[in-house]
Amino acid sequence: MKVPIAVVADVTLGKMLQPTRKTDDERALPYLRAAHVQSHGRLDLTIETNEMWFSDQDQAALDLRAGDVVVVEGGAVGRSAYLAEDMPGWGFQNALLRLRARGDADGRFIDYCLQSAVYGGEIEAICTAVSIAHFTAEKVGRFRIPNHTGSAQRAIADYLDVETGEIDATIGKLDELSETFRYRATELTTRSVFGLSDEHVYSAADAHSPLSGIPEHWERTKFGYDFTESTERNGDDPPGPLLSISEYRGVELNTRTEGQQASLDVSKYRVVRPGQLAANMMWLNHGGLGVSPLTGYISPDYKAFWISDRFEPRYVHHLFRSSRYIDYFAAIANGVRPNAQRVTKTVLDATPVPLPPLDEQIRIADELDEATARVDAMLAKVTDLKSLLLERRAALITDVVTGRKEVA
């Protein structure tokens, strides 16, 4: 037997964004938003926190307490997270709904039911829309979950807290392992592309002097001398598909269903050819550049550069994606927001660049291509194992909340 969520919990929609103060009793307070609610029941408060104005009445109506469940209303519909602690002084935006359990109902159980429904596609099925799907307060209130007594809900939640906690801990270790692989690969790349000795110790000054410690027999140049901006645009006949620039992989096919998408008119989008360096000038400090292996087109806000024949393109790819250049780009970028730091073309042209003999560039590129392939293979295995664990986690939750698996 199932009951609507509205029978066991109060459903409250958050406040519409209010960037300016309207009354004397309003205060600027942090608020939870959809980005804080991650998949698999995880609340991530490390994500940038914003503030908006809340009146005394707003604060009383939209507070967040231990035992509440927050649910994403639009976009990643149905994502939910349980609040284990009070969040005094916080509110929540209207991209979220707050579920507050009534009587002897347990918020943890409600959260697990929602996680199961997301996994099983039930929520997506009732929120299908032409544009952005919405899991409205009315839909949430009508959504039916298994009807258990309060004591049974607590027993189920206690069991799942332990079991999913163990799985989450293992996933956390896999994430740490992935970060270790990436860090070691980054260290190897930086030492190789700059020809650094094992004795070279990184210092903050490296971010301002990218050629520090390079071999004496290497030449030095500047970006503007060897990299020429391409002005080629799509026009009426795009030469290939839409490409994106990943901070992890460089230039690749754009397969996203969310985020960056091409507009209907792509005639002014920049063309990228194989062997050209493509760059997102507002993301260089996050590795937003790389040498393209593909023909296609990128945002008109990005840039593409021809590389002089004094450089091996694969070496260039590894060079500008090294941690030293990422730190350098962060040091020379301008902008107010951390995720929108633009490097101007004038400043980029003045960037000092190492110029090893061509045979050394090829050797370095060969070594790094091989090392990168090994790391990518290990990361793929870790990702596969993580996917299996997440599948196991979701299936376990569904089996328990639906009664297919009994708990003591």
Protein backbone atom coordinates (compact mmCIF):
# COMPACT_ATOMS: atom_id res chain seq x y z
CA MET A 1 0.00 0.00 0.00
CA LYS A 2 1.20 3.53 -0.78
CA VAL A 3 0.25 7.00 0.42
CA PRO A 4 0.79 10.48 -1.04
CA ILE A 5 3.77 12.34 0.41
CA ALA A 6 1.39 15.12 1.50
CA VAL A 7 -0.13 12.67 4.01
CA VAL A 8 3.15 12.25 5.86
CA ALA A 9 4.97 15.56 5.24
CA ASP A 10 4.38 19.27 4.69
CA VAL A 11 5.56 20.36 1.23
CA THR A 12 6.89 23.94 0.94
CA LEU A 13 8.28 25.72 -2.11
CA GLY A 14 11.30 27.99 -1.60
CA LYS A 15 11.52 31.73 -2.22
CA MET A 16 11.86 33.31 -5.64
CA LEU A 17 15.23 34.99 -6.10
CA GLN A 18 15.20 38.51 -4.63
CA PRO A 19 18.46 40.36 -5.35
CA THR A 20 17.43 43.71 -3.76
CA ARG A 21 16.09 44.73 -0.36
CA LYS A 22 12.39 45.69 -0.28
CA THR A 23 11.50 46.13 3.42
CA ASP A 24 13.34 47.24 6.56
CA ASP A 25 13.08 43.84 8.26
CA GLU A 26 14.85 41.98 5.43
CA ARG A 27 18.33 40.53 5.87
CA ALA A 28 20.74 39.07 3.34
CA LEU A 29 21.02 35.35 4.15
CA PRO A 30 22.59 32.33 2.46
CA TYR A 31 20.20 30.01 0.72
CA LEU A 32 20.18 26.44 -0.51
CA ARG A 33 19.77 26.05 -4.26
CA ALA A 34 19.47 23.11 -6.63
CA ALA A 35 23.23 22.94 -7.22
CA HIS A 36 23.76 22.02 -3.57
CA VAL A 37 21.65 18.87 -3.97
CA GLN A 38 23.76 16.27 -5.71
CA SER A 39 22.81 12.80 -6.92
CA HIS A 40 22.46 9.85 -4.56
CA GLY A 41 21.20 11.90 -1.63
CA ARG A 42 24.29 14.05 -1.20
CA LEU A 43 24.14 17.65 0.04
CA ASP A 44 27.27 19.53 -1.06
CA LEU A 45 27.78 22.78 0.84
CA THR A 46 31.25 23.28 -0.65
CA ILE A 47 29.53 24.64 -3.77
CA GLU A 48 29.55 28.43 -3.95
CA THR A 49 26.96 29.94 -1.60
CA ASN A 50 24.88 32.93 -2.64
CA GLU A 51 22.74 35.28 -0.56
CA MET A 52 19.37 36.95 -1.05
CA TRP A 53 16.97 39.00 1.05
CA PHE A 54 14.64 37.30 3.55
CA SER A 55 12.06 39.07 5.71
CA ASP A 56 11.27 37.95 9.26
CA GLN A 57 8.23 36.18 7.88
CA ASP A 58 10.32 34.48 5.18
CA GLN A 59 12.85 33.31 7.76
CA ALA A 60 10.13 31.78 9.92
CA ALA A 61 8.42 30.05 6.99
CA LEU A 62 11.53 28.92 5.09
CA ASP A 63 13.87 27.73 7.83
CA LEU A 64 15.81 24.47 7.54
CA ARG A 65 15.86 21.97 10.40
CA ALA A 66 17.36 18.60 11.11
CA GLY A 67 15.01 15.97 9.69
CA ASP A 68 13.93 18.05 6.69
CA VAL A 69 14.29 16.77 3.13
CA VAL A 70 15.07 19.14 0.24
CA VAL A 71 13.97 18.15 -3.27
CA VAL A 72 14.96 19.64 -6.63
CA GLU A 73 11.90 21.12 -8.35
CA GLY A 74 13.24 21.83 -11.85
CA GLY A 75 16.06 20.44 -13.96
CA ALA A 76 17.44 17.40 -12.15
CA VAL A 77 13.92 16.74 -10.88
CA GLY A 78 13.49 14.62 -7.78
CA ARG A 79 17.05 14.80 -6.53
CA SER A 80 16.80 14.91 -2.77
CA ALA A 81 18.92 15.21 0.35
CA TYR A 82 18.21 14.69 4.04
CA LEU A 83 19.32 17.37 6.50
CA ALA A 84 21.01 15.72 9.48
CA GLU A 85 21.53 19.04 11.28
CA ASP A 86 19.77 22.38 11.71
CA MET A 87 20.89 25.12 9.32
CA PRO A 88 20.22 28.29 11.32
CA GLY A 89 20.25 31.50 9.30
CA TRP A 90 19.67 29.72 5.98
CA GLY A 91 16.70 29.76 3.62
CA PHE A 92 16.05 27.99 0.32
CA GLN A 93 15.31 29.07 -3.24
CA ASN A 94 12.20 28.18 -5.24
CA ALA A 95 14.24 25.69 -7.26
CA LEU A 96 13.86 23.51 -4.16
CA LEU A 97 11.01 22.11 -2.13
CA ARG A 98 11.24 21.36 1.59
CA LEU A 99 9.54 18.28 2.96
CA ARG A 100 9.00 18.34 6.72
CA ALA A 101 7.83 15.01 8.12
CA ARG A 102 4.73 15.06 10.30
CA GLY A 103 3.87 12.89 13.29
CA ASP A 104 6.07 9.82 13.56
CA ALA A 105 7.15 9.85 9.90
CA ASP A 106 10.92 9.78 9.28
CA GLY A 107 12.51 12.21 6.80
CA ARG A 108 15.27 9.73 6.07
CA PHE A 109 12.73 7.18 4.86
CA ILE A 110 11.07 9.78 2.61
CA ASP A 111 14.48 10.70 1.17
CA TYR A 112 15.30 7.06 0.43
CA CYS A 113 11.91 6.63 -1.27
CA LEU A 114 12.67 9.60 -3.52
CA GLN A 115 16.13 8.25 -4.33
CA SER A 116 14.52 4.96 -5.30
CA ALA A 117 11.96 6.77 -7.48
CA VAL A 118 14.68 8.72 -9.29
CA TYR A 119 16.61 5.49 -9.91
CA GLY A 120 13.51 3.72 -11.20
CA GLY A 121 12.48 6.58 -13.50
CA GLU A 122 9.14 7.12 -11.76
CA ILE A 123 9.66 10.83 -11.13
CA GLU A 124 10.96 11.48 -14.64
CA ALA A 125 7.87 9.75 -16.04
CA ILE A 126 5.47 12.14 -14.31
CA CYS A 127 7.58 15.24 -15.04
CA THR A 128 8.17 14.77 -18.78
CA ALA A 129 8.07 18.18 -20.49
CA VAL A 130 9.03 19.79 -23.79
CA SER A 131 11.55 22.12 -22.12
CA ILE A 132 12.56 21.82 -18.44
CA ALA A 133 10.72 19.22 -16.39
CA HIS A 134 9.27 20.34 -13.05
CA PHE A 135 8.52 18.29 -9.95
CA THR A 136 6.09 20.87 -8.57
CA ALA A 137 4.84 21.05 -5.00
CA GLU A 138 1.51 19.65 -6.20
CA LYS A 139 3.20 16.71 -7.96
CA VAL A 140 5.41 16.03 -4.94
CA GLY A 141 2.44 16.13 -2.60
CA ARG A 142 0.57 13.61 -4.80
CA PHE A 143 3.59 11.35 -5.31
CA ARG A 144 2.95 8.06 -3.53
CA ILE A 145 5.49 6.26 -1.36
CA PRO A 146 5.26 2.97 0.57
CA ASN A 147 3.08 3.24 3.67
CA HIS A 148 4.97 1.98 6.74
CA THR A 149 4.55 2.70 10.41
CA GLY A 150 6.94 5.19 12.00
CA SER A 151 8.89 2.40 13.70
CA ALA A 152 9.20 0.49 10.41
CA GLN A 153 10.38 3.65 8.64
CA ARG A 154 13.06 4.19 11.29
CA ALA A 155 14.20 0.57 11.06
CA ILE A 156 14.49 0.82 7.27
CA ALA A 157 16.31 4.16 7.48
CA ASP A 158 18.70 2.88 10.16
CA TYR A 159 19.55 -0.16 8.04
CA LEU A 160 20.06 1.88 4.88
CA ASP A 161 22.15 4.48 6.72
CA VAL A 162 24.64 1.74 7.62
CA GLU A 163 24.62 -0.08 4.27
CA THR A 164 24.76 3.00 2.04
CA GLY A 165 27.30 4.57 4.40
CA GLU A 166 29.69 1.68 3.75
CA ILE A 167 29.16 1.96 -0.01
CA ASP A 168 29.62 5.75 0.11
CA ALA A 169 32.86 5.32 2.07
CA THR A 170 34.20 2.95 -0.60
CA ILE A 171 33.16 5.38 -3.35
CA GLY A 172 34.97 8.14 -1.45
CA LYS A 173 38.17 6.06 -1.46
CA LEU A 174 37.78 5.51 -5.21
CA ASP A 175 37.42 9.26 -5.71
CA GLU A 176 40.60 9.80 -3.69
CA LEU A 177 42.37 7.20 -5.82
CA SER A 178 41.26 8.99 -8.98
CA GLU A 179 42.55 12.29 -7.62
CA THR A 180 45.89 10.65 -6.81
CA PHE A 181 46.18 9.34 -10.38
CA ARG A 182 45.36 12.78 -11.80
CA TYR A 183 47.76 14.56 -9.46
CA ARG A 184 50.65 12.25 -10.35
CA ALA A 185 49.88 12.61 -14.05
CA THR A 186 49.83 16.39 -13.69
CA GLU A 187 53.15 16.39 -11.83
CA LEU A 188 54.74 14.20 -14.51
CA THR A 189 53.37 16.44 -17.28
CA THR A 190 54.67 19.63 -15.70
CA ARG A 191 58.16 18.24 -15.10
CA SER A 192 58.35 16.81 -18.60
CA VAL A 193 57.12 19.77 -20.67
CA PHE A 194 59.38 22.20 -18.81
CA GLY A 195 62.36 19.83 -18.64
CA LEU A 196 62.54 20.25 -14.87
CA SER A 197 65.02 18.28 -12.80
CA ASP A 198 63.90 16.10 -9.92
CA GLU A 199 65.52 18.62 -7.57
CA HIS A 200 63.31 21.47 -8.75
CA VAL A 201 60.88 22.42 -5.99
CA TYR A 202 57.63 24.12 -6.93
CA SER A 203 57.17 27.62 -5.55
CA ALA A 204 54.48 30.28 -5.85
CA ALA A 205 56.85 32.26 -8.06
CA ASP A 206 56.46 29.60 -10.78
CA ALA A 207 52.95 30.95 -11.42
CA HIS A 208 54.48 34.27 -12.50
CA SER A 209 57.67 32.89 -14.12
CA PRO A 210 56.59 29.86 -16.20
CA LEU A 211 60.06 29.43 -17.73
CA SER A 212 61.80 29.09 -14.39
CA GLY A 213 64.13 26.07 -14.30
CA ILE A 214 63.90 25.05 -17.98
CA PRO A 215 67.11 23.63 -19.55
CA GLU A 216 69.63 26.22 -20.69
CA HIS A 217 69.82 24.86 -24.24
CA TRP A 218 66.09 25.38 -24.78
CA GLU A 219 65.06 28.52 -26.62
CA ARG A 220 62.42 30.92 -25.34
CA THR A 221 59.62 32.55 -27.30
CA LYS A 222 56.30 34.28 -26.72
CA PHE A 223 52.84 33.04 -27.54
CA GLY A 224 52.17 35.80 -30.08
CA TYR A 225 55.25 34.88 -32.12
CA ASP A 226 54.28 31.26 -32.78
CA PHE A 227 50.50 31.10 -32.40
CA THR A 228 48.33 32.92 -34.93
CA GLU A 229 44.61 33.38 -34.37
CA SER A 230 42.38 31.75 -36.96
CA THR A 231 39.44 33.87 -38.12
CA GLU A 232 37.65 31.05 -39.96
CA ARG A 233 33.91 30.88 -39.25
CA ASN A 234 31.22 28.36 -40.16
CA GLY A 235 29.30 30.52 -42.59
CA ASP A 236 26.50 28.61 -44.29
CA ASP A 237 28.32 25.27 -44.33
CA PRO A 238 29.74 24.02 -40.99
CA PRO A 239 32.69 21.69 -41.72
CA GLY A 240 31.98 19.42 -38.78
CA PRO A 241 30.04 18.97 -35.51
CA LEU A 242 29.90 21.17 -32.41
CA LEU A 243 32.97 20.69 -30.21
CA SER A 244 33.54 21.47 -26.56
CA ILE A 245 36.69 22.04 -24.51
CA SER A 246 36.89 19.82 -21.45
CA GLU A 247 39.20 20.65 -18.57
CA TYR A 248 39.86 16.91 -18.29
CA ARG A 249 40.23 15.81 -21.91
CA GLY A 250 40.72 18.91 -24.07
CA VAL A 251 38.83 19.32 -27.35
CA GLU A 252 36.12 16.71 -27.92
CA LEU A 253 32.68 16.20 -29.44
CA ASN A 254 29.94 18.05 -27.59
CA THR A 255 27.56 15.35 -26.38
CA ARG A 256 25.97 17.30 -23.52
CA THR A 257 22.22 17.41 -23.11
CA GLU A 258 22.59 20.21 -20.52
CA GLY A 259 24.88 23.21 -20.41
CA GLN A 260 26.69 24.45 -23.51
CA GLN A 261 24.59 24.07 -26.63
CA ALA A 262 24.85 25.66 -30.04
CA SER A 263 22.29 28.29 -30.99
CA LEU A 264 20.07 27.78 -34.03
CA ASP A 265 22.32 30.11 -36.05
CA VAL A 266 25.89 28.74 -35.98
CA SER A 267 27.19 30.73 -38.94
CA LYS A 268 29.43 32.87 -36.71
CA TYR A 269 30.82 29.98 -34.68
CA ARG A 270 34.58 29.50 -34.97
CA VAL A 271 35.92 26.62 -37.05
CA VAL A 272 38.63 24.41 -35.51
CA ARG A 273 40.90 22.22 -37.61
CA PRO A 274 43.01 19.24 -36.50
CA GLY A 275 46.30 20.44 -35.06
CA GLN A 276 44.96 23.85 -34.04
CA LEU A 277 44.98 25.06 -30.45
CA ALA A 278 41.44 25.85 -29.25
CA ALA A 279 40.93 27.97 -26.14
CA ASN A 280 38.09 29.11 -23.91
CA MET A 281 39.58 32.44 -22.83
CA MET A 282 37.43 32.50 -19.68
CA TRP A 283 38.46 29.01 -18.57
CA LEU A 284 42.22 28.91 -19.16
CA ASN A 285 42.82 28.84 -15.41
CA HIS A 286 40.90 25.55 -15.34
CA GLY A 287 42.58 23.89 -18.31
CA GLY A 288 40.04 25.11 -20.86
CA LEU A 289 42.25 24.68 -23.91
CA GLY A 290 43.83 21.96 -26.02
CA VAL A 291 45.02 20.94 -29.46
CA SER A 292 42.10 19.60 -31.48
CA PRO A 293 42.22 16.16 -33.11
CA LEU A 294 38.93 16.97 -34.90
CA THR A 295 37.39 19.28 -37.45
CA GLY A 296 34.35 21.08 -36.09
CA TYR A 297 33.22 24.35 -34.59
CA ILE A 298 33.31 26.03 -31.18
CA SER A 299 31.60 28.96 -29.50
CA PRO A 300 32.22 32.34 -31.15
CA ASP A 301 33.52 33.47 -27.73
CA TYR A 302 36.38 30.95 -27.93
CA LYS A 303 39.52 31.24 -30.03
CA ALA A 304 41.44 28.93 -32.36
CA PHE A 305 45.14 29.31 -33.18
CA TRP A 306 47.41 27.99 -35.91
CA ILE A 307 50.64 26.59 -34.43
CA SER A 308 53.97 27.42 -36.06
CA ASP A 309 56.07 24.58 -37.47
CA ARG A 310 58.63 25.17 -34.71
CA PHE A 311 56.27 23.28 -32.37
CA GLU A 312 55.02 19.71 -32.21
CA PRO A 313 51.23 20.11 -31.65
CA ARG A 314 51.07 17.22 -29.17
CA TYR A 315 53.77 18.88 -27.07
CA VAL A 316 51.78 22.14 -27.17
CA HIS A 317 48.69 20.27 -25.94
CA HIS A 318 50.48 18.91 -22.89
CA LEU A 319 52.40 22.15 -22.29
CA PHE A 320 49.48 24.55 -21.93
CA ARG A 321 47.41 22.07 -19.93
CA SER A 322 50.20 21.65 -17.36
CA SER A 323 49.63 22.81 -13.79
CA ARG A 324 52.27 25.52 -14.17
CA TYR A 325 50.44 27.19 -17.04
CA ILE A 326 47.06 26.77 -15.36
CA ASP A 327 48.50 28.62 -12.34
CA TYR A 328 50.04 31.22 -14.66
CA PHE A 329 46.72 31.83 -16.44
CA ALA A 330 45.04 32.26 -13.05
CA ALA A 331 47.65 34.89 -12.16
CA ILE A 332 47.20 36.95 -15.35
CA ALA A 333 43.41 36.62 -15.74
CA ASN A 334 40.96 39.42 -14.95
CA GLY A 335 37.42 39.17 -13.64
CA VAL A 336 35.26 39.43 -10.55
CA ARG A 337 33.88 35.90 -10.40
CA PRO A 338 36.26 32.95 -9.79
CA ASN A 339 34.69 30.96 -12.63
CA ALA A 340 34.79 33.81 -15.14
CA GLN A 341 38.43 34.90 -15.21
CA ARG A 342 39.22 36.09 -18.73
CA VAL A 343 42.71 36.13 -20.26
CA THR A 344 42.82 38.79 -22.98
CA LYS A 345 44.43 38.12 -26.35
CA THR A 346 46.97 40.91 -25.70
CA VAL A 347 48.09 39.36 -22.43
CA LEU A 348 48.11 35.87 -23.92
CA ASP A 349 50.33 37.03 -26.80
CA ALA A 350 52.90 38.25 -24.26
CA THR A 351 52.98 34.90 -22.44
CA PRO A 352 56.51 33.42 -22.33
CA VAL A 353 56.72 29.93 -23.86
CA PRO A 354 59.57 27.37 -23.78
CA LEU A 355 60.84 26.20 -27.16
CA PRO A 356 62.76 22.91 -26.87
CA PRO A 357 64.47 21.39 -29.93
CA LEU A 358 61.82 19.72 -32.09
CA ASP A 359 63.19 16.21 -31.52
CA GLU A 360 62.90 16.73 -27.75
CA GLN A 361 59.32 17.98 -28.14
CA ILE A 362 58.43 14.80 -30.04
CA ARG A 363 60.11 12.60 -27.41
CA ILE A 364 58.31 14.40 -24.56
CA ALA A 365 54.98 14.15 -26.39
CA ASP A 366 55.49 10.43 -27.05
CA GLU A 367 56.25 9.77 -23.38
CA LEU A 368 53.32 11.81 -22.14
CA ASP A 369 50.90 10.28 -24.65
CA GLU A 370 51.86 6.84 -23.35
CA ALA A 371 51.68 7.88 -19.69
CA THR A 372 48.34 9.61 -20.22
CA ALA A 373 46.91 6.51 -21.89
CA ARG A 374 47.94 4.40 -18.87
CA VAL A 375 46.37 6.83 -16.43
CA ASP A 376 43.19 7.07 -18.52
CA ALA A 377 42.92 3.27 -18.50
CA MET A 378 43.26 3.17 -14.71
CA LEU A 379 40.73 5.97 -14.30
CA ALA A 380 38.31 4.11 -16.56
CA LYS A 381 38.56 1.02 -14.34
CA VAL A 382 37.93 3.13 -11.23
CA THR A 383 34.94 4.78 -12.94
CA ASP A 384 33.48 1.39 -13.90
CA LEU A 385 33.82 0.13 -10.33
CA LYS A 386 32.24 3.30 -8.98
CA SER A 387 29.32 2.88 -11.40
CA LEU A 388 28.77 -0.67 -10.21
CA LEU A 389 28.74 0.45 -6.58
CA LEU A 390 26.26 3.24 -7.31
CA GLU A 391 24.05 0.76 -9.16
CA ARG A 392 24.24 -1.58 -6.17
CA ARG A 393 23.42 1.29 -3.81
CA ALA A 394 20.35 2.35 -5.78
CA ALA A 395 19.08 -1.22 -6.18
CA LEU A 396 19.52 -1.89 -2.45
CA ILE A 397 17.50 1.20 -1.52
CA THR A 398 14.70 0.18 -3.88
CA ASP A 399 14.62 -3.40 -2.58
CA VAL A 400 14.40 -2.24 1.03
CA VAL A 401 11.87 0.60 0.77
CA THR A 402 9.55 -1.50 -1.42
CA GLY A 403 9.72 -4.45 0.98
CA ARG A 404 11.41 -6.84 -1.47
CA LYS A 405 14.22 -7.11 1.08
CA GLU A 406 13.20 -7.25 4.72
CA VAL A 407 15.20 -5.70 7.53
CA ALA A 408 15.21 -6.78 11.15
